[in-house]
């Protein structure tokens, strides 16, 4: 299994690692085989977050006894010192460990977030104290806003940066990745499959593996995902011209302004499963599933037409998508 250095941390991590966001979609029993399959296959870096509901708990429940086999990373949305200190202790307890290798500031979305984290009494102080206490090893930052991530990296307070990068979203390679390499900061690629929108898994991952990034963390909630994702690494070869054309066509079909299924928009005040609405609509329009999708959609207890237009979802979306407008389109097409 190929390993790459995670920047200045000195940790040699598998080039394809484990993204824990989808763990929240599993039951506790379903999560175990997936986590064990990842470790059995040689994956040695596991990334999750406080915001991923019970993902941390499932990791602790199933693979805490194998703690020596993997590096552990999590993250918190806390911006102040007290909130971050509390979250660190919750993470340690949930994952049944006394040490977390990498703790990250989660989803820096606005300038005020970064200002709060770095200010006296901010989250960074709690992380630095946790470092001194031996609770965590390194401090990282994550987000979807490239300008803010560049600003955060330039402070030289972080050992890693986590950012979306795939065949559709390629801007990180222009400035962020070169700066991170220059400063010896580890680069963690999230959303490598566009939140599940990219269907050519092998091509999408091989495209990223061509780049000088530290590790890629596709989300996994089924054993087959572990096998599919690692196949791109184990049988790696550069993309052929025909494969590049195929990937380009898919990227053009998906477009730049798409839902990544991150779930940050949830919970909806009306109970709408917003990512599912967009998945159904994509399958209906792009994959011509004109018979199956309306039947499945009709069985949902809450539909796009139930949107009240409150806009809470749009305030949460890290990509600033026009969710209300899109839900109206779903309702027009599917009911």
Protein backbone atom coordinates (compact mmCIF):
# COMPACT_ATOMS: atom_id res chain seq x y z
CA UNK A 1 0.00 0.00 0.00
CA UNK A 2 1.50 3.32 -1.06
CA UNK A 3 2.08 5.78 1.78
CA UNK A 4 2.76 9.49 1.56
CA UNK A 5 4.12 11.92 4.13
CA UNK A 6 1.48 14.09 5.79
CA UNK A 7 3.54 17.25 5.63
CA UNK A 8 5.41 18.35 8.73
CA UNK A 9 3.57 15.83 10.92
CA UNK A 10 6.02 13.14 9.83
CA UNK A 11 3.13 10.65 9.63
CA UNK A 12 3.33 8.27 6.69
CA UNK A 13 -0.30 7.79 5.71
CA UNK A 14 -1.93 5.66 3.04
CA UNK A 15 -2.46 7.57 -0.20
CA UNK A 16 -6.13 6.58 -0.06
CA UNK A 17 -7.53 6.68 3.46
CA UNK A 18 -10.87 6.41 5.24
CA UNK A 19 -13.44 9.21 5.16
CA UNK A 20 -15.87 8.81 8.04
CA UNK A 21 -18.72 11.12 7.02
CA UNK A 22 -20.94 8.34 5.58
CA UNK A 23 -20.56 6.31 8.79
CA UNK A 24 -23.52 8.26 10.13
CA UNK A 25 -25.71 6.55 7.52
CA UNK A 26 -24.83 3.09 8.88
CA UNK A 27 -26.32 1.36 11.87
CA UNK A 28 -23.84 0.52 14.61
CA UNK A 29 -23.76 -3.10 13.46
CA UNK A 30 -23.30 -2.17 9.79
CA UNK A 31 -20.36 0.13 10.56
CA UNK A 32 -18.17 -2.59 12.06
CA UNK A 33 -17.45 -4.66 8.92
CA UNK A 34 -16.65 -1.50 6.93
CA UNK A 35 -14.16 -0.18 9.47
CA UNK A 36 -12.48 -3.55 9.92
CA UNK A 37 -12.32 -4.07 6.14
CA UNK A 38 -10.48 -0.75 5.80
CA UNK A 39 -7.89 -1.65 8.43
CA UNK A 40 -7.55 -5.22 7.12
CA UNK A 41 -6.82 -3.79 3.66
CA UNK A 42 -3.98 -1.67 5.06
CA UNK A 43 -5.60 1.77 5.39
CA UNK A 44 -3.87 3.55 8.28
CA UNK A 45 -5.56 6.98 8.43
CA UNK A 46 -9.14 7.47 9.60
CA UNK A 47 -10.82 10.88 9.38
CA UNK A 48 -14.11 11.83 11.02
CA UNK A 49 -15.71 14.80 12.80
CA UNK A 50 -17.82 15.77 15.77
CA UNK A 51 -20.42 17.00 13.26
CA UNK A 52 -20.84 13.55 11.71
CA UNK A 53 -23.43 12.61 14.35
CA UNK A 54 -22.38 9.22 15.77
CA UNK A 55 -19.44 8.51 13.44
CA UNK A 56 -16.90 8.94 16.25
CA UNK A 57 -18.84 6.59 18.51
CA UNK A 58 -18.96 3.90 15.84
CA UNK A 59 -15.21 4.19 15.31
CA UNK A 60 -14.62 3.82 19.04
CA UNK A 61 -17.05 0.94 19.34
CA UNK A 62 -15.50 -1.15 16.60
CA UNK A 63 -11.82 -0.37 16.15
CA UNK A 64 -10.60 1.11 19.42
CA UNK A 65 -8.89 -2.24 20.20
CA UNK A 66 -6.90 -1.82 16.96
CA UNK A 67 -5.82 1.74 17.79
CA UNK A 68 -2.13 1.04 17.12
CA UNK A 69 -2.93 0.23 13.49
CA UNK A 70 -4.17 3.65 12.39
CA UNK A 71 -3.71 7.39 12.74
CA UNK A 72 -6.84 9.11 13.93
CA UNK A 73 -8.13 12.49 12.78
CA UNK A 74 -11.28 14.35 13.73
CA UNK A 75 -12.53 17.92 13.75
CA UNK A 76 -14.82 20.36 15.54
CA UNK A 77 -16.95 23.32 14.50
CA UNK A 78 -16.18 25.06 17.81
CA UNK A 79 -14.68 28.51 17.39
CA UNK A 80 -14.02 29.43 21.03
CA UNK A 81 -11.61 27.93 23.54
CA UNK A 82 -14.20 26.48 25.91
CA UNK A 83 -16.20 24.85 23.14
CA UNK A 84 -13.14 23.32 21.52
CA UNK A 85 -11.77 22.00 24.82
CA UNK A 86 -15.13 20.34 25.49
CA UNK A 87 -15.25 18.79 22.02
CA UNK A 88 -11.73 17.39 22.31
CA UNK A 89 -12.70 15.53 25.47
CA UNK A 90 -15.93 14.29 23.89
CA UNK A 91 -13.99 12.99 20.89
CA UNK A 92 -11.50 11.17 23.10
CA UNK A 93 -14.30 9.49 25.03
CA UNK A 94 -16.39 8.64 21.97
CA UNK A 95 -13.48 7.03 20.13
CA UNK A 96 -12.23 5.32 23.29
CA UNK A 97 -8.70 6.62 23.04
CA UNK A 98 -6.42 8.88 25.05
CA UNK A 99 -4.74 10.43 21.99
CA UNK A 100 -5.90 11.85 18.65
CA UNK A 101 -3.17 12.26 16.04
CA UNK A 102 -4.78 15.19 14.20
CA UNK A 103 -7.49 17.54 15.45
CA UNK A 104 -8.85 20.00 12.89
CA UNK A 105 -10.76 23.26 12.86
CA UNK A 106 -13.83 22.22 10.89
CA UNK A 107 -15.24 24.14 7.91
CA UNK A 108 -13.81 27.65 8.01
CA UNK A 109 -16.56 29.28 5.95
CA UNK A 110 -16.31 32.99 6.71
CA UNK A 111 -13.64 35.44 7.78
CA UNK A 112 -15.29 35.77 11.16
CA UNK A 113 -14.76 32.03 11.73
CA UNK A 114 -11.01 32.25 11.21
CA UNK A 115 -10.80 35.46 13.25
CA UNK A 116 -12.60 33.81 16.16
CA UNK A 117 -10.40 30.72 16.04
CA UNK A 118 -7.18 32.74 16.08
CA UNK A 119 -8.27 35.39 18.59
CA UNK A 120 -7.35 35.28 22.31
CA UNK A 121 -9.72 32.79 23.89
CA UNK A 122 -10.29 31.16 20.51
CA UNK A 123 -10.36 27.49 19.54
CA UNK A 124 -6.67 27.46 18.60
CA UNK A 125 -5.70 28.09 22.22
CA UNK A 126 -7.62 24.99 23.33
CA UNK A 127 -5.93 22.89 20.65
CA UNK A 128 -2.49 24.13 21.64
CA UNK A 129 -3.17 23.35 25.29
CA UNK A 130 -4.42 19.89 24.31
CA UNK A 131 -1.16 19.38 22.43
CA UNK A 132 0.87 20.25 25.51
CA UNK A 133 -1.30 17.92 27.59
CA UNK A 134 -0.65 15.03 25.18
CA UNK A 135 -4.28 14.71 24.10
CA UNK A 136 -3.65 15.54 20.44
CA UNK A 137 -0.67 15.44 18.15
CA UNK A 138 -1.17 18.01 15.40
CA UNK A 139 -3.58 20.80 14.48
CA UNK A 140 -5.24 21.12 11.08
CA UNK A 141 -7.82 23.25 9.29
CA UNK A 142 -10.57 22.32 6.84
CA UNK A 143 -12.93 24.24 4.60
CA UNK A 144 -14.37 24.81 1.16
CA UNK A 145 -13.41 28.48 0.74
CA UNK A 146 -9.99 28.57 -0.93
CA UNK A 147 -9.24 32.18 -0.08
CA UNK A 148 -9.85 31.59 3.61
CA UNK A 149 -7.81 28.39 3.58
CA UNK A 150 -4.92 30.26 1.99
CA UNK A 151 -5.19 32.86 4.74
CA UNK A 152 -5.26 30.15 7.39
CA UNK A 153 -2.26 28.33 5.92
CA UNK A 154 -0.25 31.55 5.77
CA UNK A 155 -0.58 31.95 9.55
CA UNK A 156 1.66 28.87 9.86
CA UNK A 157 -0.44 27.66 12.78
CA UNK A 158 -1.64 24.49 11.07
CA UNK A 159 0.14 21.27 10.12
CA UNK A 160 -2.50 20.12 7.62
CA UNK A 161 -5.17 21.56 5.36
CA UNK A 162 -8.23 19.62 4.15
CA UNK A 163 -9.98 20.80 1.00
CA UNK A 164 -12.28 19.50 -1.76
CA UNK A 165 -10.44 18.44 -4.91
CA UNK A 166 -11.66 16.35 -7.82
CA UNK A 167 -11.94 16.49 -11.60
CA UNK A 168 -14.67 19.13 -11.28
CA UNK A 169 -13.18 21.20 -8.44
CA UNK A 170 -9.55 21.75 -9.41
CA UNK A 171 -8.77 25.26 -8.12
CA UNK A 172 -6.85 24.00 -5.05
CA UNK A 173 -3.95 22.88 -7.23
CA UNK A 174 -3.35 26.40 -8.55
CA UNK A 175 -2.26 28.12 -5.34
CA UNK A 176 -3.23 26.19 -2.19
CA UNK A 177 -1.36 22.97 -2.93
CA UNK A 178 1.86 24.71 -4.01
CA UNK A 179 1.78 26.92 -0.90
CA UNK A 180 1.16 23.92 1.34
CA UNK A 181 4.09 22.05 -0.22
CA UNK A 182 6.34 25.09 0.23
CA UNK A 183 5.38 25.32 3.92
CA UNK A 184 5.51 21.53 4.41
CA UNK A 185 1.82 21.37 5.33
CA UNK A 186 -0.01 18.12 4.72
CA UNK A 187 -2.81 18.15 2.13
CA UNK A 188 -5.93 16.05 2.74
CA UNK A 189 -8.33 15.74 -0.19
CA UNK A 190 -12.01 15.53 0.65
CA UNK A 191 -14.89 15.13 -1.81
CA UNK A 192 -12.71 13.17 -4.28
CA UNK A 193 -15.86 11.71 -5.84
CA UNK A 194 -17.84 14.93 -5.61
CA UNK A 195 -19.93 13.63 -2.75
CA UNK A 196 -20.90 10.59 -4.83
CA UNK A 197 -21.80 12.53 -7.97
CA UNK A 198 -18.88 11.10 -9.96
CA UNK A 199 -19.64 7.57 -11.06
CA UNK A 200 -16.26 6.68 -12.58
CA UNK A 201 -14.59 5.94 -9.23
CA UNK A 202 -11.41 4.45 -10.66
CA UNK A 203 -10.77 7.34 -13.04
CA UNK A 204 -11.69 10.01 -10.50
CA UNK A 205 -9.29 8.65 -7.88
CA UNK A 206 -6.45 8.00 -10.34
CA UNK A 207 -6.81 11.61 -11.49
CA UNK A 208 -6.16 12.82 -7.93
CA UNK A 209 -3.36 10.31 -7.32
CA UNK A 210 -1.45 11.96 -10.16
CA UNK A 211 -1.15 15.06 -7.98
CA UNK A 212 1.24 15.72 -5.12
CA UNK A 213 -1.27 15.49 -2.27
CA UNK A 214 -0.76 13.68 1.02
CA UNK A 215 -3.90 11.57 1.19
CA UNK A 216 -7.38 11.19 -0.27
CA UNK A 217 -10.33 10.41 2.01
CA UNK A 218 -13.31 9.09 0.04
CA UNK A 219 -16.28 8.37 2.27
CA UNK A 220 -17.03 4.71 2.87
CA UNK A 221 -20.10 3.09 4.39
CA UNK A 222 -20.04 -0.29 2.62
CA UNK A 223 -17.31 -2.91 2.35
CA UNK A 224 -17.47 -2.66 -1.43
CA UNK A 225 -16.49 1.00 -1.17
CA UNK A 226 -13.23 0.00 0.49
CA UNK A 227 -12.50 -2.44 -2.31
CA UNK A 228 -13.48 -0.04 -5.11
CA UNK A 229 -11.48 2.87 -3.72
CA UNK A 230 -8.33 0.88 -3.06
CA UNK A 231 -8.43 -0.74 -6.50
CA UNK A 232 -7.47 2.63 -7.98
CA UNK A 233 -4.37 2.67 -5.79
CA UNK A 234 -3.36 -0.96 -6.03
CA UNK A 235 -3.71 -1.03 -9.81
CA UNK A 236 -2.62 2.54 -10.36
CA UNK A 237 -1.56 3.72 -13.79
CA UNK A 238 -1.68 7.19 -15.33
CA UNK A 239 -4.87 8.08 -17.13
CA UNK A 240 -4.83 7.39 -20.86
CA UNK A 241 -6.00 10.08 -23.31
CA UNK A 242 -9.31 8.24 -23.76
CA UNK A 243 -9.79 8.01 -19.99
CA UNK A 244 -9.09 11.72 -19.59
CA UNK A 245 -11.72 12.46 -22.21
CA UNK A 246 -14.21 10.22 -20.41
CA UNK A 247 -13.54 11.95 -17.09
CA UNK A 248 -13.77 15.36 -18.72
CA UNK A 249 -17.17 14.51 -20.20
CA UNK A 250 -18.45 13.42 -16.81
CA UNK A 251 -17.09 16.56 -15.15
CA UNK A 252 -18.87 18.69 -17.76
CA UNK A 253 -22.11 16.77 -17.22
CA UNK A 254 -21.97 17.22 -13.45
CA UNK A 255 -21.04 20.90 -13.71
CA UNK A 256 -19.33 23.08 -11.13
CA UNK A 257 -22.41 24.06 -9.13
CA UNK A 258 -23.55 20.71 -7.77
CA UNK A 259 -24.61 19.25 -4.41
CA UNK A 260 -21.74 17.33 -2.76
CA UNK A 261 -24.03 15.51 -0.29
CA UNK A 262 -22.02 16.84 2.66
CA UNK A 263 -25.22 17.16 4.70
CA UNK A 264 -24.32 20.48 6.27
CA UNK A 265 -27.71 21.84 5.15
CA UNK A 266 -29.47 19.42 7.52
CA UNK A 267 -31.60 19.18 9.53
CA UNK A 268 -34.21 20.95 7.44
CA UNK A 269 -36.83 22.79 9.50
CA UNK A 270 -39.52 20.88 7.60
CA UNK A 271 -37.74 17.53 7.66
CA UNK A 272 -36.80 17.48 3.97
CA UNK A 273 -33.84 15.24 3.13
CA UNK A 274 -32.31 17.88 0.86
CA UNK A 275 -29.38 15.85 -0.58
CA UNK A 276 -31.76 13.01 -1.43
CA UNK A 277 -34.03 15.45 -3.28
CA UNK A 278 -31.11 16.48 -5.47
CA UNK A 279 -29.94 12.89 -6.02
CA UNK A 280 -33.41 11.86 -7.18
CA UNK A 281 -33.61 14.86 -9.47
CA UNK A 282 -30.18 14.12 -10.94
CA UNK A 283 -31.16 10.51 -11.59
CA UNK A 284 -34.42 11.64 -13.16
CA UNK A 285 -32.89 14.27 -15.45
CA UNK A 286 -29.36 13.04 -16.16
CA UNK A 287 -29.78 9.26 -16.09
CA UNK A 288 -33.28 9.23 -17.63
CA UNK A 289 -34.80 7.20 -14.79
CA UNK A 290 -38.24 8.52 -15.73
CA UNK A 291 -40.23 5.61 -14.32
CA UNK A 292 -38.37 4.50 -11.20
CA UNK A 293 -37.59 7.88 -9.63
CA UNK A 294 -41.14 9.30 -9.56
CA UNK A 295 -42.32 6.11 -7.86
CA UNK A 296 -39.58 6.28 -5.22
CA UNK A 297 -40.11 10.01 -4.76
CA UNK A 298 -43.86 9.56 -4.30
CA UNK A 299 -43.20 7.28 -1.33
CA UNK A 300 -41.21 9.88 0.61
CA UNK A 301 -42.99 11.26 3.70
CA UNK A 302 -41.59 14.77 3.12
CA UNK A 303 -40.97 16.18 -0.34
CA UNK A 304 -39.34 19.20 -1.96
CA UNK A 305 -42.76 20.85 -2.22
CA UNK A 306 -42.85 21.05 1.60
CA UNK A 307 -40.06 23.67 1.60
CA UNK A 308 -41.15 26.77 3.53
CA UNK A 309 -38.44 28.96 2.02
CA UNK A 310 -36.90 29.79 5.41
CA UNK A 311 -33.35 29.74 3.98
CA UNK A 312 -31.66 28.11 7.00
CA UNK A 313 -30.19 25.45 4.70
CA UNK A 314 -28.56 28.05 2.46
CA UNK A 315 -26.91 29.73 5.45
CA UNK A 316 -25.28 26.41 6.33
CA UNK A 317 -24.24 25.31 2.84
CA UNK A 318 -20.44 25.67 2.43
CA UNK A 319 -20.89 26.02 -1.33
CA UNK A 320 -23.58 28.75 -1.17
CA UNK A 321 -25.89 26.74 -3.41
CA UNK A 322 -29.35 28.18 -4.23
CA UNK A 323 -31.06 25.34 -2.38
CA UNK A 324 -34.54 26.88 -2.25
CA UNK A 325 -34.53 27.54 -5.97
CA UNK A 326 -33.40 24.01 -6.69
CA UNK A 327 -36.02 22.51 -4.42
CA UNK A 328 -38.66 24.40 -6.39
CA UNK A 329 -37.33 22.79 -9.57
CA UNK A 330 -37.44 19.35 -7.95
CA UNK A 331 -41.03 19.98 -6.93
CA UNK A 332 -41.93 21.11 -10.45
CA UNK A 333 -40.48 17.96 -12.01
CA UNK A 334 -41.28 15.34 -9.38
CA UNK A 335 -44.18 16.74 -7.39
